[in-house]
Amino acid sequence: SGEVTRFKWTTSDTTRSITIKVTTKAAVRVIDPRGCESPLSDTTSITVLPLPPAPVISAEGAITFCSRDVTDYTKENSVRLTASSSNDVTWNTGLVSKVLDAVKLSGQYSATAKDANGCVSPRSNVITVTVKESPSASAASVVKDGAFTLKASNFPDGTDYQWKYGSEVLTFVEESIKANRYGDYSARRKVVYSVPAPMNTLVCYTDYSKAYTFKEEPELKGLAIYPNPSNGLVTIETL
């Protein structure tokens, strides 16, 4: 007559299969189309283990930085992330450790914890690391661009320049400068990036170019007048 077998669980459910989300015991009776009930089945005990708390991650340093150190281009910048948890920690990078050391790549970092029962916690807070490139000036150089003029040539895109005379940092920020001392000159270029608040902007630098040795030309005696011959308009440069 179309009637179907029904089920009567001790949990008050009536479907063939049930979902258990709490610690409990469950057994079932079967009711046939005539309304006859079977004996109660064996009882199954279900234990639902609590999830471990989510780890709390923190950064040991700035999370927005240039890829290279501002004062020493040979040094790569990074940040160390740590997770506070009494359980095993797995980062979203796949590393199983309470410490994510030497993070050098931009990205969002988070972690979960697993306890001795194999239960995995909710995901931790998220730390967003922003790393901006410190461009290479390997193709750049300082060239002579007049009797007493030096020019920063072939640098990556950027804003101001920073010049050095030997190890002395000069105040010049232009592409071309007037040299007033004989010796070694080098330059690097500033790059300004837009980054998330509260920093908003981040200043990075290229490495310094190879030094250019500016030497005295005895025939000039610290004074250059050119062109010679001229059409009446001449340029005078002094050291």
Protein backbone atom coordinates (compact mmCIF):
# COMPACT_ATOMS: atom_id res chain seq x y z
CA SER A 1 0.00 0.00 0.00
CA GLY A 2 3.07 2.27 -0.30
CA GLU A 3 3.84 2.47 3.38
CA VAL A 4 7.52 2.53 4.31
CA THR A 5 9.65 1.38 7.16
CA ARG A 6 10.17 4.07 9.80
CA PHE A 7 12.88 4.64 12.39
CA LYS A 8 12.68 5.73 15.99
CA TRP A 9 15.95 6.89 17.54
CA THR A 10 16.59 7.53 21.21
CA THR A 11 17.72 10.98 20.08
CA SER A 12 14.14 11.62 18.84
CA ASP A 13 15.25 11.53 15.19
CA THR A 14 13.15 9.54 12.71
CA THR A 15 15.33 9.36 9.58
CA ARG A 16 17.39 6.37 8.46
CA SER A 17 20.67 8.19 9.13
CA ILE A 18 21.34 10.91 11.66
CA THR A 19 24.11 13.41 12.34
CA ILE A 20 25.54 13.62 15.83
CA LYS A 21 27.35 16.79 16.94
CA VAL A 22 27.38 16.34 20.72
CA THR A 23 28.56 13.67 23.12
CA THR A 24 25.65 11.24 23.56
CA LYS A 25 24.44 7.63 23.24
CA ALA A 26 22.19 6.51 20.39
CA ALA A 27 20.09 3.44 19.59
CA VAL A 28 17.23 2.88 17.18
CA ARG A 29 14.02 0.89 16.70
CA VAL A 30 12.57 -0.02 13.33
CA ILE A 31 8.85 0.39 12.76
CA ASP A 32 7.46 -1.67 9.90
CA PRO A 33 4.54 -0.63 7.67
CA ARG A 34 2.14 -2.36 10.07
CA GLY A 35 3.35 -0.26 12.99
CA CYS A 36 5.22 -3.04 14.71
CA GLU A 37 8.39 -1.93 16.54
CA SER A 38 11.59 -3.93 16.67
CA PRO A 39 13.60 -4.36 19.85
CA LEU A 40 16.03 -1.55 20.57
CA SER A 41 19.34 -1.88 18.74
CA ASP A 42 22.71 -1.95 20.41
CA THR A 43 23.60 1.41 21.92
CA THR A 44 26.42 3.38 20.30
CA SER A 45 28.34 5.88 22.42
CA ILE A 46 29.47 9.00 20.61
CA THR A 47 32.13 11.28 22.10
CA VAL A 48 32.59 14.69 20.50
CA LEU A 49 35.96 16.13 21.45
CA PRO A 50 36.34 19.90 21.87
CA LEU A 51 38.47 21.73 19.33
CA PRO A 52 41.74 23.19 20.61
CA PRO A 53 41.83 27.00 20.74
CA ALA A 54 43.12 28.82 17.69
CA PRO A 55 46.74 29.90 17.98
CA VAL A 56 47.52 33.61 18.24
CA ILE A 57 50.24 34.69 15.82
CA SER A 58 52.39 37.78 16.14
CA ALA A 59 55.26 39.42 14.26
CA GLU A 60 58.65 40.09 15.80
CA GLY A 61 59.31 43.24 13.79
CA ALA A 62 57.87 45.33 10.98
CA ILE A 63 55.49 43.58 8.57
CA THR A 64 55.89 46.24 5.85
CA PHE A 65 59.47 46.61 4.68
CA CYS A 66 61.91 46.88 1.76
CA SER A 67 63.41 43.68 0.40
CA ARG A 68 66.90 45.01 1.19
CA ASP A 69 68.25 46.92 4.15
CA VAL A 70 68.30 50.70 3.62
CA THR A 71 71.81 51.07 5.03
CA ASP A 72 73.30 47.80 3.76
CA TYR A 73 71.94 46.57 0.44
CA THR A 74 73.70 43.21 0.82
CA LYS A 75 71.41 42.39 3.76
CA GLU A 76 67.98 40.94 2.99
CA ASN A 77 65.14 42.06 5.22
CA SER A 78 62.67 39.59 6.71
CA VAL A 79 60.28 39.17 9.62
CA ARG A 80 59.82 36.34 12.11
CA LEU A 81 56.27 35.19 12.87
CA THR A 82 55.48 33.21 16.02
CA ALA A 83 52.40 31.26 17.10
CA SER A 84 51.28 31.03 20.70
CA SER A 85 49.82 27.56 21.30
CA SER A 86 50.45 24.54 23.52
CA ASN A 87 49.67 22.25 20.55
CA ASP A 88 51.37 21.50 17.25
CA VAL A 89 51.05 24.43 14.84
CA THR A 90 50.69 24.25 11.06
CA TRP A 91 51.06 27.43 9.00
CA ASN A 92 49.17 28.08 5.80
CA THR A 93 52.53 27.66 4.05
CA GLY A 94 52.52 24.00 5.13
CA LEU A 95 55.30 24.35 7.70
CA VAL A 96 54.69 22.58 11.02
CA SER A 97 56.38 24.74 13.64
CA LYS A 98 55.53 27.36 16.22
CA VAL A 99 57.89 29.75 14.39
CA LEU A 100 57.81 30.91 10.78
CA ASP A 101 61.27 32.36 10.42
CA ALA A 102 62.73 34.76 7.84
CA VAL A 103 59.52 35.65 5.99
CA LYS A 104 60.65 37.54 2.88
CA LEU A 105 57.57 37.33 0.64
CA SER A 106 54.41 39.40 0.62
CA GLY A 107 51.31 37.46 1.62
CA GLN A 108 48.73 36.66 4.26
CA TYR A 109 49.97 34.33 6.97
CA SER A 110 47.87 32.30 9.43
CA ALA A 111 48.02 29.00 11.31
CA THR A 112 45.98 26.24 12.94
CA ALA A 113 46.73 24.02 15.95
CA LYS A 114 46.28 20.24 16.29
CA ASP A 115 45.96 18.56 19.67
CA ALA A 116 46.92 15.03 20.75
CA ASN A 117 43.49 13.73 19.69
CA GLY A 118 44.03 14.97 16.12
CA CYS A 119 41.47 17.76 16.47
CA VAL A 120 42.27 20.89 14.47
CA SER A 121 41.52 24.35 15.81
CA PRO A 122 39.84 27.22 14.02
CA ARG A 123 42.24 29.36 11.98
CA SER A 124 44.27 31.99 13.79
CA ASN A 125 44.31 35.70 13.20
CA VAL A 126 45.85 36.74 9.86
CA ILE A 127 49.04 38.79 9.48
CA THR A 128 49.56 40.52 6.15
CA VAL A 129 53.23 40.95 5.23
CA THR A 130 54.06 43.55 2.56
CA VAL A 131 57.52 43.40 1.00
CA LYS A 132 58.56 46.00 -1.60
CA GLU A 133 61.49 45.56 -3.96
CA SER A 134 64.74 47.40 -3.44
CA PRO A 135 65.73 47.53 -7.16
CA SER A 136 69.18 46.56 -8.31
CA ALA A 137 71.49 49.21 -9.72
CA SER A 138 73.84 46.64 -11.24
CA ALA A 139 73.40 48.21 -14.70
CA ALA A 140 73.78 51.78 -13.39
CA SER A 141 76.90 53.91 -13.19
CA VAL A 142 78.24 57.39 -12.50
CA VAL A 143 79.58 59.04 -15.65
CA LYS A 144 81.32 62.29 -16.41
CA ASP A 145 78.93 64.72 -18.09
CA GLY A 146 81.01 67.87 -18.37
CA ALA A 147 84.34 69.11 -17.12
CA PHE A 148 83.17 69.12 -13.48
CA THR A 149 79.75 67.49 -13.81
CA LEU A 150 78.87 63.93 -12.84
CA LYS A 151 75.66 62.15 -13.84
CA ALA A 152 73.85 59.12 -12.43
CA SER A 153 73.20 56.99 -15.50
CA ASN A 154 70.91 54.06 -16.26
CA PHE A 155 69.33 53.75 -12.81
CA PRO A 156 65.93 52.02 -12.31
CA ASP A 157 62.83 54.21 -12.16
CA GLY A 158 62.51 56.14 -8.93
CA THR A 159 62.58 59.63 -7.43
CA ASP A 160 65.56 61.37 -5.81
CA TYR A 161 69.18 60.26 -5.90
CA GLN A 162 71.58 59.96 -2.99
CA TRP A 163 75.24 60.65 -3.62
CA LYS A 164 78.36 59.65 -1.72
CA TYR A 165 81.89 61.03 -1.83
CA GLY A 166 83.92 58.11 -0.54
CA SER A 167 81.91 57.09 2.52
CA GLU A 168 80.51 60.60 3.08
CA VAL A 169 76.82 60.97 2.20
CA LEU A 170 76.25 64.20 0.27
CA THR A 171 73.17 66.43 0.26
CA PHE A 172 72.65 66.26 -3.52
CA VAL A 173 69.42 64.63 -4.74
CA GLU A 174 69.61 65.49 -8.46
CA GLU A 175 70.56 63.21 -11.33
CA SER A 176 73.56 65.43 -12.18
CA ILE A 177 75.86 67.14 -9.69
CA LYS A 178 78.81 69.51 -9.81
CA ALA A 179 81.89 67.85 -8.37
CA ASN A 180 83.99 70.15 -6.20
CA ARG A 181 86.53 67.60 -4.98
CA TYR A 182 88.63 65.01 -6.70
CA GLY A 183 87.95 61.45 -5.51
CA ASP A 184 85.43 58.61 -5.64
CA TYR A 185 81.73 59.35 -6.24
CA SER A 186 78.86 56.86 -6.21
CA ALA A 187 75.07 57.18 -6.24
CA ARG A 188 71.89 55.28 -5.51
CA ARG A 189 68.22 56.04 -6.22
CA LYS A 190 65.18 56.32 -3.98
CA VAL A 191 61.95 54.45 -4.74
CA VAL A 192 58.75 55.45 -2.92
CA TYR A 193 55.93 52.89 -2.68
CA SER A 194 52.31 53.22 -1.58
CA VAL A 195 51.62 50.70 1.19
CA PRO A 196 48.72 49.96 3.57
CA ALA A 197 47.93 52.30 6.47
CA PRO A 198 49.21 53.38 8.89
CA MET A 199 52.53 53.70 7.01
CA ASN A 200 50.92 54.73 3.67
CA THR A 201 54.34 55.20 2.03
CA LEU A 202 57.56 53.19 2.16
CA VAL A 203 60.96 54.49 1.01
CA CYS A 204 63.40 51.95 -0.45
CA TYR A 205 66.73 52.41 -2.21
CA THR A 206 68.74 50.73 -4.91
CA ASP A 207 72.26 49.67 -4.09
CA TYR A 208 75.05 52.17 -4.71
CA SER A 209 76.65 52.19 -8.11
CA LYS A 210 80.29 51.35 -8.59
CA ALA A 211 82.40 54.34 -7.59
CA TYR A 212 83.58 56.73 -10.31
CA THR A 213 87.00 58.24 -9.63
CA PHE A 214 86.91 61.93 -10.55
CA LYS A 215 90.48 62.93 -11.38
CA GLU A 216 92.16 66.23 -11.93
CA GLU A 217 92.90 67.21 -15.52
CA PRO A 218 96.08 69.31 -15.20
CA GLU A 219 95.46 71.23 -18.40
CA LEU A 220 92.14 72.60 -17.03
CA LYS A 221 93.59 73.89 -13.74
CA GLY A 222 90.11 73.78 -12.20
CA LEU A 223 88.56 75.91 -14.97
CA ALA A 224 86.87 74.87 -18.24
CA ILE A 225 85.55 77.19 -20.94
CA TYR A 226 83.80 75.61 -23.92
CA PRO A 227 83.13 75.27 -26.81
CA ASN A 228 86.30 76.52 -28.38
CA PRO A 229 85.96 77.99 -30.93
CA SER A 230 82.49 79.33 -30.08
CA ASN A 231 79.75 81.30 -31.79
CA GLY A 232 79.83 83.86 -28.98
CA LEU A 233 78.04 81.77 -26.33
CA VAL A 234 80.35 79.84 -23.99
CA THR A 235 79.97 77.74 -20.87
CA ILE A 236 82.31 78.33 -17.94
CA GLU A 237 82.75 75.60 -15.35
CA THR A 238 84.92 75.72 -12.25
CA LEU A 239 85.82 73.05 -9.75
